[in-house]
Amino acid sequence: MIEITTGTVAERILKQLQKTYPITVSTLREQLGLPRTVLIRELEKLQTRGVLQLEPLPGKIYIRLTRSDFRFVGKRRQRRFIKKSYPKKPKKEVKDDDDVMYV
């Protein structure tokens, strides 16, 4: 069983491959919104781990899953601190009298 860390580019790639298969590198790049060099690097890492195989054809590179026994491990963490909001206190009205303070 191959373990893939959650929150990584490899996880995004594999989940997209599970949804749409077969797929080319160019369509996967458009769907994920990643630069081509980053995507190719991650695909080659997954290829060395034996999860998928890149099949270069004239003009296109197809991605083929070779294994399906991988699982996603790790905790999903909240990326940003969410500030708790409390109800606002009503503002006190200030009386604006034209009283003379000193005589």
C-alpha atoms as a PDB file:
ATOM      1  CA  MET A   1       0.000   0.000   0.000  1.00  0.00           C
ATOM      2  CA  ILE A   2       1.383   3.376  -1.002  1.00  0.00           C
ATOM      3  CA  GLU A   3       0.700   6.275   1.325  1.00  0.00           C
ATOM      4  CA  ILE A   4       0.116   9.745  -0.125  1.00  0.00           C
ATOM      5  CA  THR A   5       0.198  12.739   2.210  1.00  0.00           C
ATOM      6  CA  THR A   6      -2.937  14.854   2.178  1.00  0.00           C
ATOM      7  CA  GLY A   7      -2.659  18.467   1.133  1.00  0.00           C
ATOM      8  CA  THR A   8       0.072  17.841  -1.433  1.00  0.00           C
ATOM      9  CA  VAL A   9       0.128  18.250  -5.192  1.00  0.00           C
ATOM     10  CA  ALA A  10       0.359  14.460  -5.533  1.00  0.00           C
ATOM     11  CA  GLU A  11      -2.961  14.109  -3.734  1.00  0.00           C
ATOM     12  CA  ARG A  12      -4.618  16.626  -6.046  1.00  0.00           C
ATOM     13  CA  ILE A  13      -3.233  14.819  -9.101  1.00  0.00           C
ATOM     14  CA  LEU A  14      -4.390  11.381  -7.979  1.00  0.00           C
ATOM     15  CA  LYS A  15      -7.860  12.557  -6.998  1.00  0.00           C
ATOM     16  CA  GLN A  16      -8.261  14.212 -10.397  1.00  0.00           C
ATOM     17  CA  LEU A  17      -7.060  11.010 -12.107  1.00  0.00           C
ATOM     18  CA  GLN A  18      -9.652   9.041 -10.174  1.00  0.00           C
ATOM     19  CA  LYS A  19     -12.388  11.377 -11.438  1.00  0.00           C
ATOM     20  CA  THR A  20     -11.367  11.637 -15.098  1.00  0.00           C
ATOM     21  CA  TYR A  21      -9.413   8.814 -16.690  1.00  0.00           C
ATOM     22  CA  PRO A  22      -7.736   8.609 -19.282  1.00  0.00           C
ATOM     23  CA  ILE A  23      -6.336  12.102 -19.339  1.00  0.00           C
ATOM     24  CA  THR A  24      -3.462  13.976 -20.959  1.00  0.00           C
ATOM     25  CA  VAL A  25      -0.915  16.135 -19.172  1.00  0.00           C
ATOM     26  CA  SER A  26      -2.204  19.310 -20.829  1.00  0.00           C
ATOM     27  CA  THR A  27      -5.818  18.776 -19.729  1.00  0.00           C
ATOM     28  CA  LEU A  28      -4.698  17.841 -16.218  1.00  0.00           C
ATOM     29  CA  ARG A  29      -2.620  21.021 -16.076  1.00  0.00           C
ATOM     30  CA  GLU A  30      -5.632  23.112 -17.068  1.00  0.00           C
ATOM     31  CA  GLN A  31      -7.882  21.439 -14.499  1.00  0.00           C
ATOM     32  CA  LEU A  32      -5.423  21.811 -11.619  1.00  0.00           C
ATOM     33  CA  GLY A  33      -4.057  25.218 -12.606  1.00  0.00           C
ATOM     34  CA  LEU A  34      -0.421  24.218 -12.098  1.00  0.00           C
ATOM     35  CA  PRO A  35       2.636  25.213 -14.126  1.00  0.00           C
ATOM     36  CA  ARG A  36       3.780  22.529 -16.568  1.00  0.00           C
ATOM     37  CA  THR A  37       7.194  22.070 -14.935  1.00  0.00           C
ATOM     38  CA  VAL A  38       5.702  21.500 -11.474  1.00  0.00           C
ATOM     39  CA  LEU A  39       3.171  19.033 -12.851  1.00  0.00           C
ATOM     40  CA  ILE A  40       5.763  17.059 -14.833  1.00  0.00           C
ATOM     41  CA  ARG A  41       8.064  16.907 -11.785  1.00  0.00           C
ATOM     42  CA  GLU A  42       5.275  15.544  -9.570  1.00  0.00           C
ATOM     43  CA  LEU A  43       4.184  13.065 -12.232  1.00  0.00           C
ATOM     44  CA  GLU A  44       7.744  11.774 -12.549  1.00  0.00           C
ATOM     45  CA  LYS A  45       7.940  11.339  -8.764  1.00  0.00           C
ATOM     46  CA  LEU A  46       4.736   9.311  -8.833  1.00  0.00           C
ATOM     47  CA  GLN A  47       6.077   7.312 -11.759  1.00  0.00           C
ATOM     48  CA  THR A  48       9.217   6.354  -9.808  1.00  0.00           C
ATOM     49  CA  ARG A  49       7.018   5.249  -6.914  1.00  0.00           C
ATOM     50  CA  GLY A  50       5.112   3.020  -9.332  1.00  0.00           C
ATOM     51  CA  VAL A  51       1.716   4.684  -8.960  1.00  0.00           C
ATOM     52  CA  LEU A  52       1.328   5.820 -12.565  1.00  0.00           C
ATOM     53  CA  GLN A  53       2.997   5.633 -15.929  1.00  0.00           C
ATOM     54  CA  LEU A  54       3.546   8.400 -18.485  1.00  0.00           C
ATOM     55  CA  GLU A  55       2.935   7.317 -22.069  1.00  0.00           C
ATOM     56  CA  PRO A  56       4.382   9.824 -24.549  1.00  0.00           C
ATOM     57  CA  LEU A  57       2.613   9.821 -27.902  1.00  0.00           C
ATOM     58  CA  PRO A  58       3.145  12.220 -30.806  1.00  0.00           C
ATOM     59  CA  GLY A  59       1.870  15.586 -29.559  1.00  0.00           C
ATOM     60  CA  LYS A  60       0.434  14.302 -26.270  1.00  0.00           C
ATOM     61  CA  ILE A  61       1.478  12.597 -23.063  1.00  0.00           C
ATOM     62  CA  TYR A  62      -1.128  10.312 -21.543  1.00  0.00           C
ATOM     63  CA  ILE A  63      -1.187   9.371 -17.874  1.00  0.00           C
ATOM     64  CA  ARG A  64      -2.073   5.798 -16.937  1.00  0.00           C
ATOM     65  CA  LEU A  65      -2.647   4.608 -13.379  1.00  0.00           C
ATOM     66  CA  THR A  66      -0.738   1.390 -12.752  1.00  0.00           C
ATOM     67  CA  ARG A  67      -1.764   0.874  -9.133  1.00  0.00           C
ATOM     68  CA  SER A  68      -4.890   1.647  -7.218  1.00  0.00           C
ATOM     69  CA  ASP A  69      -3.767   0.543  -3.762  1.00  0.00           C
ATOM     70  CA  PHE A  70      -2.809   3.935  -2.408  1.00  0.00           C
ATOM     71  CA  ARG A  71      -4.316   5.754   0.514  1.00  0.00           C
ATOM     72  CA  PHE A  72      -4.266   9.315   1.716  1.00  0.00           C
ATOM     73  CA  VAL A  73      -2.801   9.879   5.175  1.00  0.00           C
ATOM     74  CA  GLY A  74      -2.302  12.906   7.351  1.00  0.00           C
ATOM     75  CA  LYS A  75      -4.396  15.519   9.030  1.00  0.00           C
ATOM     76  CA  ARG A  76      -6.083  18.336   7.273  1.00  0.00           C
ATOM     77  CA  ARG A  77      -5.231  21.496   9.092  1.00  0.00           C
ATOM     78  CA  GLN A  78      -6.915  24.799   9.089  1.00  0.00           C
ATOM     79  CA  ARG A  79      -4.693  27.114   7.103  1.00  0.00           C
ATOM     80  CA  ARG A  80      -5.843  30.379   8.562  1.00  0.00           C
ATOM     81  CA  PHE A  81      -6.868  31.437  12.025  1.00  0.00           C
ATOM     82  CA  ILE A  82     -10.535  32.330  12.051  1.00  0.00           C
ATOM     83  CA  LYS A  83     -11.331  35.085  14.483  1.00  0.00           C
ATOM     84  CA  LYS A  84     -14.439  34.620  16.567  1.00  0.00           C
ATOM     85  CA  SER A  85     -16.926  37.379  16.119  1.00  0.00           C
ATOM     86  CA  TYR A  86     -18.953  38.678  19.008  1.00  0.00           C
ATOM     87  CA  PRO A  87     -22.061  40.841  18.764  1.00  0.00           C
ATOM     88  CA  LYS A  88     -21.275  44.521  18.799  1.00  0.00           C
ATOM     89  CA  LYS A  89     -22.220  46.547  21.839  1.00  0.00           C
ATOM     90  CA  PRO A  90     -24.659  49.355  21.217  1.00  0.00           C
ATOM     91  CA  LYS A  91     -23.037  52.755  21.252  1.00  0.00           C
ATOM     92  CA  LYS A  92     -24.032  55.179  23.966  1.00  0.00           C
ATOM     93  CA  GLU A  93     -25.620  58.337  22.754  1.00  0.00           C
ATOM     94  CA  VAL A  94     -23.705  61.471  23.537  1.00  0.00           C
ATOM     95  CA  LYS A  95     -25.873  64.443  24.376  1.00  0.00           C
ATOM     96  CA  ASP A  96     -24.706  67.459  22.522  1.00  0.00           C
ATOM     97  CA  ASP A  97     -25.993  70.288  24.676  1.00  0.00           C
ATOM     98  CA  ASP A  98     -24.757  73.802  24.242  1.00  0.00           C
ATOM     99  CA  ASP A  99     -24.293  74.258  27.955  1.00  0.00           C
ATOM    100  CA  VAL A 100     -21.564  76.508  29.158  1.00  0.00           C
ATOM    101  CA  MET A 101     -19.097  74.674  31.257  1.00  0.00           C
ATOM    102  CA  TYR A 102     -17.474  77.668  32.865  1.00  0.00           C
ATOM    103  CA  VAL A 103     -19.069  80.988  33.557  1.00  0.00           C
END
